[in-house]
Amino acid sequence: MLSCGLHMTCCVTSGQMCHGLNSEHKTDDAALEIFREKRDSFHAVVTDRPELCQSIRHIHPKIPIVVLTILSSPEAQMALKNMGATKCMLKPVYPKELERVLLELMEKEQPQVEGGL
């Protein structure tokens, strides 16, 4: 589904992979409004709309943003990171690979407890 050409903006919340923000049904503005209203319930954003990165960063500066792209050049990857992407993944993106990347990014976001148990 991720490589079929649909523009998707998905947000990972506890227990749910997608929060129903498929732009087939919602505009970018509507997706951003939902994100703004519930920003603390999202753990990561996955989008193939890099132009959303700056708006998302303005709302939630530290949230991991994964941009799905067909642009593979180092310059394009750097431009996406400069727009606010935490990670860029080349399309087609396979669900297991996306899951691995999201879990890795969210693990990095967890506060580290010094001294252990």
PDB file of N, CA and C in Angstrom:
ATOM      1  N   MET A   1       0.814  -1.193   0.000  1.00  0.00           N
ATOM      2  CA  MET A   1       0.000   0.000   0.000  1.00  0.00           C
ATOM      3  C   MET A   1       0.860   1.259   0.000  1.00  0.00           C
ATOM      4  N   LEU A   2       2.014   1.240   0.649  1.00  0.00           N
ATOM      5  CA  LEU A   2       2.825   2.442   0.740  1.00  0.00           C
ATOM      6  C   LEU A   2       3.457   2.834  -0.587  1.00  0.00           C
ATOM      7  N   SER A   3       3.546   1.901  -1.532  1.00  0.00           N
ATOM      8  CA  SER A   3       4.171   2.242  -2.804  1.00  0.00           C
ATOM      9  C   SER A   3       3.155   2.449  -3.924  1.00  0.00           C
ATOM     10  N   CYS A   4       1.874   2.534  -3.622  1.00  0.00           N
ATOM     11  CA  CYS A   4       0.855   2.605  -4.661  1.00  0.00           C
ATOM     12  C   CYS A   4       0.566   4.026  -5.130  1.00  0.00           C
ATOM     13  N   GLY A   5       1.278   5.022  -4.606  1.00  0.00           N
ATOM     14  CA  GLY A   5       1.100   6.377  -5.091  1.00  0.00           C
ATOM     15  C   GLY A   5       0.157   7.227  -4.272  1.00  0.00           C
ATOM     16  N   LEU A   6      -0.468   6.679  -3.257  1.00  0.00           N
ATOM     17  CA  LEU A   6      -1.319   7.489  -2.388  1.00  0.00           C
ATOM     18  C   LEU A   6      -0.452   8.363  -1.510  1.00  0.00           C
ATOM     19  N   HIS A   7      -0.847   9.591  -1.330  1.00  0.00           N
ATOM     20  CA  HIS A   7      -0.158  10.445  -0.367  1.00  0.00           C
ATOM     21  C   HIS A   7      -0.721  10.119   0.999  1.00  0.00           C
ATOM     22  N   MET A   8       0.151   9.756   1.910  1.00  0.00           N
ATOM     23  CA  MET A   8      -0.302   9.375   3.238  1.00  0.00           C
ATOM     24  C   MET A   8       0.421  10.174   4.290  1.00  0.00           C
ATOM     25  N   THR A   9      -0.298  10.521   5.313  1.00  0.00           N
ATOM     26  CA  THR A   9       0.289  11.071   6.510  1.00  0.00           C
ATOM     27  C   THR A   9      -0.249  10.231   7.648  1.00  0.00           C
ATOM     28  N   CYS A  10       0.621   9.461   8.259  1.00  0.00           N
ATOM     29  CA  CYS A  10       0.218   8.593   9.355  1.00  0.00           C
ATOM     30  C   CYS A  10       0.961   9.015  10.604  1.00  0.00           C
ATOM     31  N   CYS A  11       0.314   8.904  11.717  1.00  0.00           N
ATOM     32  CA  CYS A  11       0.960   9.202  12.981  1.00  0.00           C
ATOM     33  C   CYS A  11       0.835   7.988  13.875  1.00  0.00           C
ATOM     34  N   VAL A  12       1.911   7.652  14.541  1.00  0.00           N
ATOM     35  CA  VAL A  12       1.917   6.502  15.430  1.00  0.00           C
ATOM     36  C   VAL A  12       1.485   6.960  16.810  1.00  0.00           C
ATOM     37  N   THR A  13       0.465   6.327  17.325  1.00  0.00           N
ATOM     38  CA  THR A  13       0.026   6.586  18.685  1.00  0.00           C
ATOM     39  C   THR A  13       0.176   5.282  19.455  1.00  0.00           C
ATOM     40  N   SER A  14       0.078   5.336  20.748  1.00  0.00           N
ATOM     41  CA  SER A  14       0.226   4.107  21.521  1.00  0.00           C
ATOM     42  C   SER A  14      -0.868   3.128  21.109  1.00  0.00           C
ATOM     43  N   GLY A  15      -0.430   1.996  20.590  1.00  0.00           N
ATOM     44  CA  GLY A  15      -1.363   0.950  20.217  1.00  0.00           C
ATOM     45  C   GLY A  15      -1.926   1.047  18.809  1.00  0.00           C
ATOM     46  N   GLN A  16      -1.705   2.123  18.093  1.00  0.00           N
ATOM     47  CA  GLN A  16      -2.243   2.255  16.747  1.00  0.00           C
ATOM     48  C   GLN A  16      -1.161   2.707  15.792  1.00  0.00           C
ATOM     49  N   MET A  17      -1.046   2.035  14.646  1.00  0.00           N
ATOM     50  CA  MET A  17      -0.041   2.424  13.663  1.00  0.00           C
ATOM     51  C   MET A  17      -0.455   3.692  12.941  1.00  0.00           C
ATOM     52  N   CYS A  18      -1.668   3.728  12.439  1.00  0.00           N
ATOM     53  CA  CYS A  18      -2.129   4.918  11.730  1.00  0.00           C
ATOM     54  C   CYS A  18      -3.302   5.531  12.474  1.00  0.00           C
ATOM     55  N   HIS A  19      -3.340   6.811  12.472  1.00  0.00           N
ATOM     56  CA  HIS A  19      -4.384   7.543  13.181  1.00  0.00           C
ATOM     57  C   HIS A  19      -5.444   8.039  12.210  1.00  0.00           C
ATOM     58  N   GLY A  20      -5.538   7.397  11.028  1.00  0.00           N
ATOM     59  CA  GLY A  20      -6.574   7.741  10.079  1.00  0.00           C
ATOM     60  C   GLY A  20      -6.349   9.034   9.330  1.00  0.00           C
ATOM     61  N   LEU A  21      -5.110   9.437   9.143  1.00  0.00           N
ATOM     62  CA  LEU A  21      -4.844  10.696   8.469  1.00  0.00           C
ATOM     63  C   LEU A  21      -4.390  10.447   7.033  1.00  0.00           C
ATOM     64  N   ASN A  22      -5.165   9.708   6.285  1.00  0.00           N
ATOM     65  CA  ASN A  22      -4.858   9.453   4.881  1.00  0.00           C
ATOM     66  C   ASN A  22      -5.397  10.614   4.082  1.00  0.00           C
ATOM     67  N   SER A  23      -4.531  11.285   3.326  1.00  0.00           N
ATOM     68  CA  SER A  23      -4.956  12.505   2.647  1.00  0.00           C
ATOM     69  C   SER A  23      -5.944  12.238   1.518  1.00  0.00           C
ATOM     70  N   GLU A  24      -6.229  10.979   1.265  1.00  0.00           N
ATOM     71  CA  GLU A  24      -7.332  10.676   0.351  1.00  0.00           C
ATOM     72  C   GLU A  24      -8.626  11.186   0.975  1.00  0.00           C
ATOM     73  N   HIS A  25      -8.656  11.235   2.284  1.00  0.00           N
ATOM     74  CA  HIS A  25      -9.845  11.655   3.009  1.00  0.00           C
ATOM     75  C   HIS A  25      -9.677  12.997   3.715  1.00  0.00           C
ATOM     76  N   LYS A  26      -8.450  13.428   3.941  1.00  0.00           N
ATOM     77  CA  LYS A  26      -8.212  14.662   4.678  1.00  0.00           C
ATOM     78  C   LYS A  26      -7.181  15.518   3.951  1.00  0.00           C
ATOM     79  N   THR A  27      -7.312  16.809   4.057  1.00  0.00           N
ATOM     80  CA  THR A  27      -6.319  17.704   3.480  1.00  0.00           C
ATOM     81  C   THR A  27      -5.138  17.809   4.431  1.00  0.00           C
ATOM     82  N   ASP A  28      -4.039  18.357   3.930  1.00  0.00           N
ATOM     83  CA  ASP A  28      -2.880  18.569   4.796  1.00  0.00           C
ATOM     84  C   ASP A  28      -3.251  19.450   5.978  1.00  0.00           C
ATOM     85  N   ASP A  29      -4.053  20.493   5.727  1.00  0.00           N
ATOM     86  CA  ASP A  29      -4.464  21.389   6.815  1.00  0.00           C
ATOM     87  C   ASP A  29      -5.278  20.647   7.866  1.00  0.00           C
ATOM     88  N   ALA A  30      -6.167  19.768   7.438  1.00  0.00           N
ATOM     89  CA  ALA A  30      -6.974  19.001   8.390  1.00  0.00           C
ATOM     90  C   ALA A  30      -6.104  18.043   9.187  1.00  0.00           C
ATOM     91  N   ALA A  31      -5.142  17.415   8.513  1.00  0.00           N
ATOM     92  CA  ALA A  31      -4.232  16.508   9.214  1.00  0.00           C
ATOM     93  C   ALA A  31      -3.406  17.274  10.245  1.00  0.00           C
ATOM     94  N   LEU A  32      -2.912  18.450   9.865  1.00  0.00           N
ATOM     95  CA  LEU A  32      -2.136  19.269  10.806  1.00  0.00           C
ATOM     96  C   LEU A  32      -2.984  19.731  11.977  1.00  0.00           C
ATOM     97  N   GLU A  33      -4.251  20.026  11.734  1.00  0.00           N
ATOM     98  CA  GLU A  33      -5.135  20.454  12.818  1.00  0.00           C
ATOM     99  C   GLU A  33      -5.355  19.326  13.817  1.00  0.00           C
ATOM    100  N   ILE A  34      -5.553  18.108  13.314  1.00  0.00           N
ATOM    101  CA  ILE A  34      -5.694  16.949  14.214  1.00  0.00           C
ATOM    102  C   ILE A  34      -4.406  16.764  14.997  1.00  0.00           C
ATOM    103  N   PHE A  35      -3.270  16.876  14.318  1.00  0.00           N
ATOM    104  CA  PHE A  35      -1.980  16.735  14.982  1.00  0.00           C
ATOM    105  C   PHE A  35      -1.809  17.815  16.048  1.00  0.00           C
ATOM    106  N   ARG A  36      -2.188  19.026  15.737  1.00  0.00           N
ATOM    107  CA  ARG A  36      -2.071  20.148  16.685  1.00  0.00           C
ATOM    108  C   ARG A  36      -2.926  19.890  17.932  1.00  0.00           C
ATOM    109  N   GLU A  37      -4.147  19.421  17.718  1.00  0.00           N
ATOM    110  CA  GLU A  37      -5.072  19.182  18.833  1.00  0.00           C
ATOM    111  C   GLU A  37      -4.629  18.032  19.724  1.00  0.00           C
ATOM    112  N   LYS A  38      -3.989  17.020  19.144  1.00  0.00           N
ATOM    113  CA  LYS A  38      -3.648  15.808  19.900  1.00  0.00           C
ATOM    114  C   LYS A  38      -2.155  15.539  19.915  1.00  0.00           C
ATOM    115  N   ARG A  39      -1.354  16.584  19.781  1.00  0.00           N
ATOM    116  CA  ARG A  39       0.091  16.425  19.615  1.00  0.00           C
ATOM    117  C   ARG A  39       0.748  15.526  20.647  1.00  0.00           C
ATOM    118  N   ASP A  40       0.280  15.524  21.867  1.00  0.00           N
ATOM    119  CA  ASP A  40       0.915  14.711  22.905  1.00  0.00           C
ATOM    120  C   ASP A  40       0.575  13.233  22.805  1.00  0.00           C
ATOM    121  N   SER A  41      -0.392  12.869  21.967  1.00  0.00           N
ATOM    122  CA  SER A  41      -0.728  11.457  21.817  1.00  0.00           C
ATOM    123  C   SER A  41       0.031  10.804  20.666  1.00  0.00           C
ATOM    124  N   PHE A  42       0.794  11.591  19.902  1.00  0.00           N
ATOM    125  CA  PHE A  42       1.565  11.053  18.785  1.00  0.00           C
ATOM    126  C   PHE A  42       3.008  10.811  19.199  1.00  0.00           C
ATOM    127  N   HIS A  43       3.554   9.700  18.700  1.00  0.00           N
ATOM    128  CA  HIS A  43       4.941   9.357  18.991  1.00  0.00           C
ATOM    129  C   HIS A  43       5.851   9.533  17.787  1.00  0.00           C
ATOM    130  N   ALA A  44       5.282   9.539  16.595  1.00  0.00           N
ATOM    131  CA  ALA A  44       6.066   9.703  15.371  1.00  0.00           C
ATOM    132  C   ALA A  44       5.126  10.069  14.233  1.00  0.00           C
ATOM    133  N   VAL A  45       5.699  10.643  13.192  1.00  0.00           N
ATOM    134  CA  VAL A  45       4.935  10.982  11.998  1.00  0.00           C
ATOM    135  C   VAL A  45       5.605  10.328  10.804  1.00  0.00           C
ATOM    136  N   VAL A  46       4.798   9.721   9.940  1.00  0.00           N
ATOM    137  CA  VAL A  46       5.271   9.140   8.692  1.00  0.00           C
ATOM    138  C   VAL A  46       4.511   9.836   7.570  1.00  0.00           C
ATOM    139  N   THR A  47       5.240  10.399   6.625  1.00  0.00           N
ATOM    140  CA  THR A  47       4.581  11.126   5.542  1.00  0.00           C
ATOM    141  C   THR A  47       5.381  11.026   4.255  1.00  0.00           C
ATOM    142  N   ASP A  48       4.710  11.171   3.138  1.00  0.00           N
ATOM    143  CA  ASP A  48       5.431  11.340   1.876  1.00  0.00           C
ATOM    144  C   ASP A  48       5.235  12.769   1.376  1.00  0.00           C
ATOM    145  N   ARG A  49       4.861  13.633   2.298  1.00  0.00           N
ATOM    146  CA  ARG A  49       4.667  15.055   2.003  1.00  0.00           C
ATOM    147  C   ARG A  49       5.699  15.861   2.772  1.00  0.00           C
ATOM    148  N   PRO A  50       6.931  15.983   2.256  1.00  0.00           N
ATOM    149  CA  PRO A  50       7.990  16.663   3.005  1.00  0.00           C
ATOM    150  C   PRO A  50       7.661  18.117   3.345  1.00  0.00           C
ATOM    151  N   GLU A  51       6.765  18.729   2.583  1.00  0.00           N
ATOM    152  CA  GLU A  51       6.397  20.118   2.877  1.00  0.00           C
ATOM    153  C   GLU A  51       5.672  20.247   4.219  1.00  0.00           C
ATOM    154  N   LEU A  52       5.215  19.135   4.789  1.00  0.00           N
ATOM    155  CA  LEU A  52       4.566  19.171   6.102  1.00  0.00           C
ATOM    156  C   LEU A  52       5.575  19.226   7.250  1.00  0.00           C
ATOM    157  N   CYS A  53       6.822  18.855   6.988  1.00  0.00           N
ATOM    158  CA  CYS A  53       7.827  18.745   8.056  1.00  0.00           C
ATOM    159  C   CYS A  53       7.970  20.018   8.877  1.00  0.00           C
ATOM    160  N   GLN A  54       8.068  21.153   8.223  1.00  0.00           N
ATOM    161  CA  GLN A  54       8.278  22.392   8.969  1.00  0.00           C
ATOM    162  C   GLN A  54       7.084  22.721   9.861  1.00  0.00           C
ATOM    163  N   SER A  55       5.875  22.492   9.367  1.00  0.00           N
ATOM    164  CA  SER A  55       4.681  22.739  10.188  1.00  0.00           C
ATOM    165  C   SER A  55       4.633  21.792  11.372  1.00  0.00           C
ATOM    166  N   ILE A  56       4.976  20.531  11.132  1.00  0.00           N
ATOM    167  CA  ILE A  56       4.991  19.537  12.211  1.00  0.00           C
ATOM    168  C   ILE A  56       6.048  19.919  13.247  1.00  0.00           C
ATOM    169  N   ARG A  57       7.229  20.311  12.792  1.00  0.00           N
ATOM    170  CA  ARG A  57       8.305  20.732  13.702  1.00  0.00           C
ATOM    171  C   ARG A  57       7.886  21.931  14.541  1.00  0.00           C
ATOM    172  N   HIS A  58       7.122  22.842  13.954  1.00  0.00           N
ATOM    173  CA  HIS A  58       6.655  24.018  14.688  1.00  0.00           C
ATOM    174  C   HIS A  58       5.708  23.607  15.819  1.00  0.00           C
ATOM    175  N   ILE A  59       4.878  22.605  15.561  1.00  0.00           N
ATOM    176  CA  ILE A  59       3.910  22.131  16.554  1.00  0.00           C
ATOM    177  C   ILE A  59       4.594  21.268  17.611  1.00  0.00           C
ATOM    178  N   HIS A  60       5.485  20.391  17.185  1.00  0.00           N
ATOM    179  CA  HIS A  60       6.115  19.413  18.084  1.00  0.00           C
ATOM    180  C   HIS A  60       7.578  19.243  17.656  1.00  0.00           C
ATOM    181  N   PRO A  61       8.481  20.092  18.161  1.00  0.00           N
ATOM    182  CA  PRO A  61       9.869  20.133  17.682  1.00  0.00           C
ATOM    183  C   PRO A  61      10.661  18.838  17.781  1.00  0.00           C
ATOM    184  N   LYS A  62      10.338  17.966  18.718  1.00  0.00           N
ATOM    185  CA  LYS A  62      11.176  16.788  18.945  1.00  0.00           C
ATOM    186  C   LYS A  62      10.608  15.488  18.380  1.00  0.00           C
ATOM    187  N   ILE A  63       9.429  15.528  17.789  1.00  0.00           N
ATOM    188  CA  ILE A  63       8.816  14.283  17.301  1.00  0.00           C
ATOM    189  C   ILE A  63       9.596  13.728  16.106  1.00  0.00           C
ATOM    190  N   PRO A  64       9.826  12.411  16.076  1.00  0.00           N
ATOM    191  CA  PRO A  64      10.483  11.822  14.907  1.00  0.00           C
ATOM    192  C   PRO A  64       9.566  11.915  13.679  1.00  0.00           C
ATOM    193  N   ILE A  65      10.137  12.354  12.551  1.00  0.00           N
ATOM    194  CA  ILE A  65       9.392  12.435  11.293  1.00  0.00           C
ATOM    195  C   ILE A  65      10.119  11.582  10.264  1.00  0.00           C
ATOM    196  N   VAL A  66       9.400  10.590   9.727  1.00  0.00           N
ATOM    197  CA  VAL A  66       9.933   9.730   8.681  1.00  0.00           C
ATOM    198  C   VAL A  66       9.299  10.172   7.366  1.00  0.00           C
ATOM    199  N   VAL A  67      10.148  10.550   6.404  1.00  0.00           N
ATOM    200  CA  VAL A  67       9.659  10.959   5.084  1.00  0.00           C
ATOM    201  C   VAL A  67       9.918   9.826   4.100  1.00  0.00           C
ATOM    202  N   LEU A  68       8.853   9.387   3.432  1.00  0.00           N
ATOM    203  CA  LEU A  68       8.951   8.368   2.396  1.00  0.00           C
ATOM    204  C   LEU A  68       9.153   9.092   1.070  1.00  0.00           C
ATOM    205  N   THR A  69      10.155   8.683   0.298  1.00  0.00           N
ATOM    206  CA  THR A  69      10.522   9.443  -0.890  1.00  0.00           C
ATOM    207  C   THR A  69      11.043   8.542  -2.005  1.00  0.00           C
ATOM    208  N   ILE A  70      11.062   9.096  -3.210  1.00  0.00           N
ATOM    209  CA  ILE A  70      11.711   8.427  -4.337  1.00  0.00           C
ATOM    210  C   ILE A  70      13.051   9.081  -4.637  1.00  0.00           C
ATOM    211  N   LEU A  71      13.377  10.129  -3.892  1.00  0.00           N
ATOM    212  CA  LEU A  71      14.607  10.893  -4.113  1.00  0.00           C
ATOM    213  C   LEU A  71      15.761  10.239  -3.361  1.00  0.00           C
ATOM    214  N   SER A  72      16.756   9.753  -4.109  1.00  0.00           N
ATOM    215  CA  SER A  72      17.823   8.991  -3.465  1.00  0.00           C
ATOM    216  C   SER A  72      19.173   9.695  -3.426  1.00  0.00           C
ATOM    217  N   SER A  73      19.306  10.819  -4.104  1.00  0.00           N
ATOM    218  CA  SER A  73      20.611  11.475  -4.122  1.00  0.00           C
ATOM    219  C   SER A  73      20.955  12.012  -2.731  1.00  0.00           C
ATOM    220  N   PRO A  74      22.238  12.067  -2.400  1.00  0.00           N
ATOM    221  CA  PRO A  74      22.636  12.625  -1.101  1.00  0.00           C
ATOM    222  C   PRO A  74      22.132  14.055  -0.911  1.00  0.00           C
ATOM    223  N   GLU A  75      22.099  14.836  -1.993  1.00  0.00           N
ATOM    224  CA  GLU A  75      21.614  16.221  -1.899  1.00  0.00           C
ATOM    225  C   GLU A  75      20.130  16.262  -1.543  1.00  0.00           C
ATOM    226  N   ALA A  76      19.351  15.385  -2.165  1.00  0.00           N
ATOM    227  CA  ALA A  76      17.910  15.330  -1.876  1.00  0.00           C
ATOM    228  C   ALA A  76      17.670  14.878  -0.439  1.00  0.00           C
ATOM    229  N   GLN A  77      18.419  13.876   0.000  1.00  0.00           N
ATOM    230  CA  GLN A  77      18.281  13.387   1.378  1.00  0.00           C
ATOM    231  C   GLN A  77      18.628  14.493   2.374  1.00  0.00           C
ATOM    232  N   MET A  78      19.681  15.256   2.090  1.00  0.00           N
ATOM    233  CA  MET A  78      20.077  16.357   2.970  1.00  0.00           C
ATOM    234  C   MET A  78      19.007  17.446   2.973  1.00  0.00           C
ATOM    235  N   ALA A  79      18.438  17.740   1.816  1.00  0.00           N
ATOM    236  CA  ALA A  79      17.378  18.752   1.733  1.00  0.00           C
ATOM    237  C   ALA A  79      16.172  18.335   2.577  1.00  0.00           C
ATOM    238  N   LEU A  80      15.813  17.054   2.535  1.00  0.00           N
ATOM    239  CA  LEU A  80      14.688  16.564   3.343  1.00  0.00           C
ATOM    240  C   LEU A  80      15.002  16.682   4.832  1.00  0.00           C
ATOM    241  N   LYS A  81      16.216  16.368   5.204  1.00  0.00           N
ATOM    242  CA  LYS A  81      16.612  16.506   6.616  1.00  0.00           C
ATOM    243  C   LYS A  81      16.592  17.969   7.035  1.00  0.00           C
ATOM    244  N   ASN A  82      17.015  18.858   6.136  1.00  0.00           N
ATOM    245  CA  ASN A  82      16.981  20.288   6.434  1.00  0.00           C
ATOM    246  C   ASN A  82      15.549  20.807   6.569  1.00  0.00           C
ATOM    247  N   MET A  83      14.600  20.114   5.928  1.00  0.00           N
ATOM    248  CA  MET A  83      13.190  20.495   6.040  1.00  0.00           C
ATOM    249  C   MET A  83      12.584  19.993   7.351  1.00  0.00           C
ATOM    250  N   GLY A  84      13.306  19.104   8.049  1.00  0.00           N
ATOM    251  CA  GLY A  84      12.815  18.617   9.333  1.00  0.00           C
ATOM    252  C   GLY A  84      12.673  17.116   9.459  1.00  0.00           C
ATOM    253  N   ALA A  85      12.980  16.380   8.393  1.00  0.00           N
ATOM    254  CA  ALA A  85      12.873  14.924   8.456  1.00  0.00           C
ATOM    255  C   ALA A  85      13.922  14.358   9.405  1.00  0.00           C
ATOM    256  N   THR A  86      13.512  13.422  10.247  1.00  0.00           N
ATOM    257  CA  THR A  86      14.436  12.712  11.118  1.00  0.00           C
ATOM    258  C   THR A  86      15.098  11.585  10.336  1.00  0.00           C
ATOM    259  N   LYS A  87      14.309  10.940   9.487  1.00  0.00           N
ATOM    260  CA  LYS A  87      14.768   9.789   8.711  1.00  0.00           C
ATOM    261  C   LYS A  87      14.071   9.822   7.361  1.00  0.00           C
ATOM    262  N   CYS A  88      14.805   9.461   6.307  1.00  0.00           N
ATOM    263  CA  CYS A  88      14.233   9.346   4.965  1.00  0.00           C
ATOM    264  C   CYS A  88      14.289   7.880   4.562  1.00  0.00           C
ATOM    265  N   MET A  89      13.203   7.395   3.983  1.00  0.00           N
ATOM    266  CA  MET A  89      13.158   6.021   3.500  1.00  0.00           C
ATOM    267  C   MET A  89      12.759   6.034   2.031  1.00  0.00           C
ATOM    268  N   LEU A  90      13.471   5.252   1.231  1.00  0.00           N
ATOM    269  CA  LEU A  90      13.173   5.179  -0.190  1.00  0.00           C
ATOM    270  C   LEU A  90      11.970   4.286  -0.454  1.00  0.00           C
ATOM    271  N   LYS A  91      11.065   4.770  -1.312  1.00  0.00           N
ATOM    272  CA  LYS A  91       9.927   3.964  -1.755  1.00  0.00           C
ATOM    273  C   LYS A  91      10.422   2.945  -2.769  1.00  0.00           C
ATOM    274  N   PRO A  92       9.850   1.765  -2.832  1.00  0.00           N
ATOM    275  CA  PRO A  92       8.733   1.320  -1.998  1.00  0.00           C
ATOM    276  C   PRO A  92       9.215   0.982  -0.589  1.00  0.00           C
ATOM    277  N   VAL A  93       8.365   1.245   0.368  1.00  0.00           N
ATOM    278  CA  VAL A  93       8.661   0.973   1.766  1.00  0.00           C
ATOM    279  C   VAL A  93       7.852  -0.247   2.191  1.00  0.00           C
ATOM    280  N   TYR A  94       8.539  -1.201   2.777  1.00  0.00           N
ATOM    281  CA  TYR A  94       7.880  -2.415   3.225  1.00  0.00           C
ATOM    282  C   TYR A  94       7.479  -2.268   4.691  1.00  0.00           C
ATOM    283  N   PRO A  95       6.302  -2.741   5.043  1.00  0.00           N
ATOM    284  CA  PRO A  95       5.785  -2.538   6.410  1.00  0.00           C
ATOM    285  C   PRO A  95       6.743  -2.949   7.517  1.00  0.00           C
ATOM    286  N   LYS A  96       7.405  -4.079   7.377  1.00  0.00           N
ATOM    287  CA  LYS A  96       8.328  -4.534   8.433  1.00  0.00           C
ATOM    288  C   LYS A  96       9.510  -3.578   8.584  1.00  0.00           C
ATOM    289  N   GLU A  97      10.007  -3.049   7.465  1.00  0.00           N
ATOM    290  CA  GLU A  97      11.119  -2.100   7.518  1.00  0.00           C
ATOM    291  C   GLU A  97      10.670  -0.795   8.173  1.00  0.00           C
ATOM    292  N   LEU A  98       9.474  -0.331   7.830  1.00  0.00           N
ATOM    293  CA  LEU A  98       8.930   0.879   8.443  1.00  0.00           C
ATOM    294  C   LEU A  98       8.733   0.670   9.940  1.00  0.00           C
ATOM    295  N   GLU A  99       8.216  -0.474  10.305  1.00  0.00           N
ATOM    296  CA  GLU A  99       8.027  -0.787  11.728  1.00  0.00           C
ATOM    297  C   GLU A  99       9.372  -0.754  12.466  1.00  0.00           C
ATOM    298  N   ARG A 100      10.404  -1.363  11.862  1.00  0.00           N
ATOM    299  CA  ARG A 100      11.728  -1.398  12.488  1.00  0.00           C
ATOM    300  C   ARG A 100      12.269   0.018  12.689  1.00  0.00           C
ATOM    301  N   VAL A 101      12.148   0.861  11.667  1.00  0.00           N
ATOM    302  CA  VAL A 101      12.646   2.235  11.743  1.00  0.00           C
ATOM    303  C   VAL A 101      11.879   3.017  12.804  1.00  0.00           C
ATOM    304  N   LEU A 102      10.564   2.876  12.842  1.00  0.00           N
ATOM    305  CA  LEU A 102       9.768   3.606  13.836  1.00  0.00           C
ATOM    306  C   LEU A 102      10.121   3.179  15.255  1.00  0.00           C
ATOM    307  N   LEU A 103      10.248   1.884  15.459  1.00  0.00           N
ATOM    308  CA  LEU A 103      10.609   1.407  16.798  1.00  0.00           C
ATOM    309  C   LEU A 103      11.987   1.914  17.205  1.00  0.00           C
ATOM    310  N   GLU A 104      12.918   1.911  16.269  1.00  0.00           N
ATOM    311  CA  GLU A 104      14.270   2.420  16.535  1.00  0.00           C
ATOM    312  C   GLU A 104      14.237   3.906  16.897  1.00  0.00           C
ATOM    313  N   LEU A 105      13.491   4.698  16.135  1.00  0.00           N
ATOM    314  CA  LEU A 105      13.402   6.133  16.411  1.00  0.00           C
ATOM    315  C   LEU A 105      12.724   6.417  17.744  1.00  0.00           C
ATOM    316  N   MET A 106      11.657   5.697  18.032  1.00  0.00           N
ATOM    317  CA  MET A 106      10.949   5.933  19.290  1.00  0.00           C
ATOM    318  C   MET A 106      11.770   5.477  20.484  1.00  0.00           C
ATOM    319  N   GLU A 107      12.562   4.432  20.298  1.00  0.00           N
ATOM    320  CA  GLU A 107      13.458   3.976  21.367  1.00  0.00           C
ATOM    321  C   GLU A 107      14.486   5.052  21.693  1.00  0.00           C
ATOM    322  N   LYS A 108      15.008   5.732  20.671  1.00  0.00           N
ATOM    323  CA  LYS A 108      15.965   6.810  20.883  1.00  0.00           C
ATOM    324  C   LYS A 108      15.343   7.985  21.614  1.00  0.00           C
ATOM    325  N   GLU A 109      14.025   8.166  21.458  1.00  0.00           N
ATOM    326  CA  GLU A 109      13.336   9.297  22.076  1.00  0.00           C
ATOM    327  C   GLU A 109      13.033   9.063  23.559  1.00  0.00           C
ATOM    328  N   GLN A 110      13.116   7.794  24.005  1.00  0.00           N
ATOM    329  CA  GLN A 110      12.818   7.478  25.398  1.00  0.00           C
ATOM    330  C   GLN A 110      13.903   8.059  26.296  1.00  0.00           C
ATOM    331  N   PRO A 111      13.511   8.695  27.394  1.00  0.00           N
ATOM    332  CA  PRO A 111      14.521   9.222  28.309  1.00  0.00           C
ATOM    333  C   PRO A 111      15.331   8.079  28.923  1.00  0.00           C
ATOM    334  N   GLN A 112      16.633   8.275  29.009  1.00  0.00           N
ATOM    335  CA  GLN A 112      17.511   7.274  29.576  1.00  0.00           C
ATOM    336  C   GLN A 112      17.596   7.464  31.086  1.00  0.00           C
ATOM    337  N   VAL A 113      17.432   6.383  31.829  1.00  0.00           N
ATOM    338  CA  VAL A 113      17.519   6.443  33.282  1.00  0.00           C
ATOM    339  C   VAL A 113      18.940   6.053  33.681  1.00  0.00           C
ATOM    340  N   GLU A 114      19.611   6.946  34.371  1.00  0.00           N
ATOM    341  CA  GLU A 114      20.979   6.674  34.793  1.00  0.00           C
ATOM    342  C   GLU A 114      20.983   5.780  36.014  1.00  0.00           C
ATOM    343  N   GLY A 115      21.971   4.887  36.089  1.00  0.00           N
ATOM    344  CA  GLY A 115      22.149   4.045  37.256  1.00  0.00           C
ATOM    345  C   GLY A 115      21.433   2.729  37.196  1.00  0.00           C
ATOM    346  N   GLY A 116      20.436   2.575  36.293  1.00  0.00           N
ATOM    347  CA  GLY A 116      19.718   1.318  36.162  1.00  0.00           C
ATOM    348  C   GLY A 116      18.831   1.052  37.362  1.00  0.00           C
ATOM    349  N   LEU A 117      18.408  -0.231  37.484  1.00  0.00           N
ATOM    350  CA  LEU A 117      17.509  -0.622  38.589  1.00  0.00           C
ATOM    351  C   LEU A 117      18.267  -1.217  39.719  1.00  0.00           C
TER     352      LEU A 117
END
